[in-house]
Amino acid sequence: MRKLLLGFLLIVALFNLSYGLGLGVMLGNPSGLSAKYWMSEQNAIAGGLAWHLGSNSNGGYLFLHGDYLIHKNDLINISGTTIPFYYGGGVGIGVGNDFYLGVRIPVGIEYWFMDKKFDAFLELVPGIGLLPGFGIGIGGAIGLRYNF
């Protein structure tokens, strides 16, 4: 666990040397740490180190995921406030009693606070489990990040 957390923090530190980075928490399935690295105004890489409740008999597992996200910043406009919509694809890896590997298809919305210093997000993530067996499921989370 310590090695995974140290590796996650090292990756975050490297990303922080460049463009834009947000760090925070997410609650749902999975629940844990959330990071988002902005490559442009519309493209980002998001990741998480979290606990996934799981649907198998082992009760859950440590979950690491990474997603490539595309943002449509002008799609939702409520009373002059734009709420970015995003979608993308990624990979999830779980470690517990079994090894989990799956494909993620996140869709969500974001809200920016205080001159983009904080963002809140809500996402649903349909997925396809590949290992230890084939399966289809859905996860989701609500979260908050501080942007550097």
Protein backbone atom coordinates (compact mmCIF):
# COMPACT_ATOMS: atom_id res chain seq x y z
CA MET A 1 0.00 0.00 0.00
CA ARG A 2 2.78 2.45 0.88
CA LYS A 3 4.59 1.77 -2.40
CA LEU A 4 1.41 2.42 -4.39
CA LEU A 5 0.74 5.67 -2.53
CA LEU A 6 4.36 6.78 -2.96
CA GLY A 7 4.20 5.99 -6.69
CA PHE A 8 0.94 7.93 -7.00
CA LEU A 9 2.45 10.96 -5.23
CA LEU A 10 5.55 10.81 -7.45
CA ILE A 11 3.42 10.84 -10.60
CA VAL A 12 1.40 13.75 -9.19
CA ALA A 13 4.60 15.69 -8.45
CA LEU A 14 5.85 15.17 -12.01
CA PHE A 15 2.55 16.33 -13.50
CA ASN A 16 2.56 19.39 -11.25
CA LEU A 17 5.74 20.64 -12.96
CA SER A 18 3.78 21.31 -16.14
CA TYR A 19 0.36 22.67 -17.19
CA GLY A 20 -2.59 22.26 -14.78
CA LEU A 21 -3.20 19.74 -12.05
CA GLY A 22 -6.10 19.12 -9.70
CA LEU A 23 -5.97 16.92 -6.58
CA GLY A 24 -8.83 15.86 -4.37
CA VAL A 25 -11.18 13.15 -3.21
CA MET A 26 -14.03 11.15 -4.70
CA LEU A 27 -16.85 9.35 -2.93
CA GLY A 28 -18.84 6.56 -4.49
CA ASN A 29 -17.63 3.38 -6.07
CA PRO A 30 -14.64 3.74 -6.05
CA SER A 31 -13.91 6.10 -3.12
CA GLY A 32 -10.47 7.60 -2.58
CA LEU A 33 -7.97 10.06 -4.07
CA SER A 34 -8.57 11.80 -7.39
CA ALA A 35 -6.15 13.60 -9.72
CA LYS A 36 -6.70 15.40 -13.02
CA TYR A 37 -4.01 16.72 -15.34
CA TRP A 38 -5.12 19.23 -17.99
CA MET A 39 -3.35 18.96 -21.34
CA SER A 40 -5.49 21.69 -22.94
CA GLU A 41 -8.84 23.41 -22.33
CA GLN A 42 -10.68 20.36 -23.67
CA ASN A 43 -8.40 17.37 -22.96
CA ALA A 44 -7.32 15.91 -19.65
CA ILE A 45 -6.03 12.76 -18.03
CA ALA A 46 -7.77 11.76 -14.81
CA GLY A 47 -6.76 9.09 -12.36
CA GLY A 48 -7.58 7.71 -9.00
CA LEU A 49 -6.21 5.58 -6.19
CA ALA A 50 -9.21 4.30 -4.33
CA TRP A 51 -11.11 1.49 -2.65
CA HIS A 52 -13.63 -0.29 -4.87
CA LEU A 53 -16.47 -2.05 -3.08
CA GLY A 54 -16.57 -4.85 -5.63
CA SER A 55 -19.38 -7.24 -6.40
CA ASN A 56 -17.59 -10.46 -5.58
CA SER A 57 -17.27 -12.39 -2.34
CA ASN A 58 -13.95 -10.80 -1.28
CA GLY A 59 -15.65 -7.53 -0.31
CA GLY A 60 -13.59 -5.13 -2.40
CA TYR A 61 -10.12 -4.22 -3.56
CA LEU A 62 -7.57 -1.45 -4.01
CA PHE A 63 -8.36 0.21 -7.32
CA LEU A 64 -6.15 2.31 -9.61
CA HIS A 65 -7.61 3.89 -12.72
CA GLY A 66 -6.58 6.23 -15.51
CA ASP A 67 -8.86 7.91 -18.07
CA TYR A 68 -8.41 10.14 -21.10
CA LEU A 69 -11.19 12.76 -21.03
CA ILE A 70 -12.65 15.10 -23.66
CA HIS A 71 -14.57 18.13 -22.37
CA LYS A 72 -17.41 19.95 -24.11
CA ASN A 73 -17.25 23.25 -22.25
CA ASP A 74 -20.19 25.00 -23.92
CA LEU A 75 -22.72 22.16 -24.13
CA ILE A 76 -24.60 22.90 -20.85
CA ASN A 77 -25.44 26.56 -20.08
CA ILE A 78 -27.68 27.38 -17.12
CA SER A 79 -28.43 31.08 -16.51
CA GLY A 80 -25.14 32.14 -18.10
CA THR A 81 -23.06 29.57 -16.20
CA THR A 82 -21.43 26.89 -18.30
CA ILE A 83 -21.10 23.42 -16.85
CA PRO A 84 -18.54 21.29 -18.72
CA PHE A 85 -19.68 17.84 -19.85
CA TYR A 86 -16.98 15.22 -20.37
CA TYR A 87 -16.58 11.70 -21.69
CA GLY A 88 -13.70 9.38 -22.39
CA GLY A 89 -12.13 5.99 -21.96
CA GLY A 90 -9.66 4.37 -19.67
CA VAL A 91 -8.41 1.37 -17.76
CA GLY A 92 -8.99 0.16 -14.22
CA ILE A 93 -6.78 -2.23 -12.24
CA GLY A 94 -7.83 -3.79 -8.96
CA VAL A 95 -5.74 -5.70 -6.44
CA GLY A 96 -7.36 -7.78 -3.71
CA ASN A 97 -8.00 -11.50 -3.36
CA ASP A 98 -8.23 -11.50 -7.17
CA PHE A 99 -6.59 -9.33 -9.82
CA TYR A 100 -9.07 -7.14 -11.69
CA LEU A 101 -8.54 -5.56 -15.13
CA GLY A 102 -11.24 -3.66 -16.98
CA VAL A 103 -12.13 -0.94 -19.45
CA ARG A 104 -13.78 2.26 -18.20
CA ILE A 105 -16.08 4.63 -20.13
CA PRO A 106 -16.56 7.69 -17.88
CA VAL A 107 -19.16 10.42 -18.54
CA GLY A 108 -19.70 13.33 -16.21
CA ILE A 109 -20.18 17.00 -15.47
CA GLU A 110 -18.00 19.51 -13.62
CA TYR A 111 -18.58 22.76 -11.82
CA TRP A 112 -15.82 25.32 -11.24
CA PHE A 113 -15.60 27.47 -8.08
CA MET A 114 -13.52 30.51 -7.16
CA ASP A 115 -11.80 31.37 -10.43
CA LYS A 116 -11.19 27.65 -11.18
CA LYS A 117 -9.29 26.94 -7.95
CA PHE A 118 -11.79 24.21 -7.01
CA ASP A 119 -13.90 21.91 -9.14
CA ALA A 120 -16.69 19.54 -8.19
CA PHE A 121 -17.61 16.63 -10.41
CA LEU A 122 -20.24 13.96 -10.79
CA GLU A 123 -19.53 11.00 -13.04
CA LEU A 124 -20.99 7.68 -14.06
CA VAL A 125 -18.62 5.02 -15.33
CA PRO A 126 -19.93 2.04 -17.26
CA GLY A 127 -17.26 -0.61 -17.51
CA ILE A 128 -16.32 -3.94 -18.98
CA GLY A 129 -14.43 -6.33 -16.72
CA LEU A 130 -11.87 -8.47 -18.53
CA LEU A 131 -10.11 -10.27 -15.66
CA PRO A 132 -10.65 -12.41 -13.64
CA GLY A 133 -13.75 -12.92 -15.81
CA PHE A 134 -15.85 -11.03 -18.32
CA GLY A 135 -18.55 -8.79 -16.90
CA ILE A 136 -20.38 -5.51 -17.35
CA GLY A 137 -20.99 -3.04 -14.53
CA ILE A 138 -21.35 0.60 -13.61
CA GLY A 139 -19.63 2.75 -11.02
CA GLY A 140 -19.83 6.39 -10.16
CA ALA A 141 -18.49 9.08 -7.91
CA ILE A 142 -18.93 12.61 -6.74
CA GLY A 143 -15.78 14.53 -5.95
CA LEU A 144 -13.96 17.76 -5.21
CA ARG A 145 -10.48 18.81 -6.35
CA TYR A 146 -8.13 21.73 -5.66
CA ASN A 147 -6.42 22.99 -8.83
CA PHE A 148 -2.82 24.19 -8.77
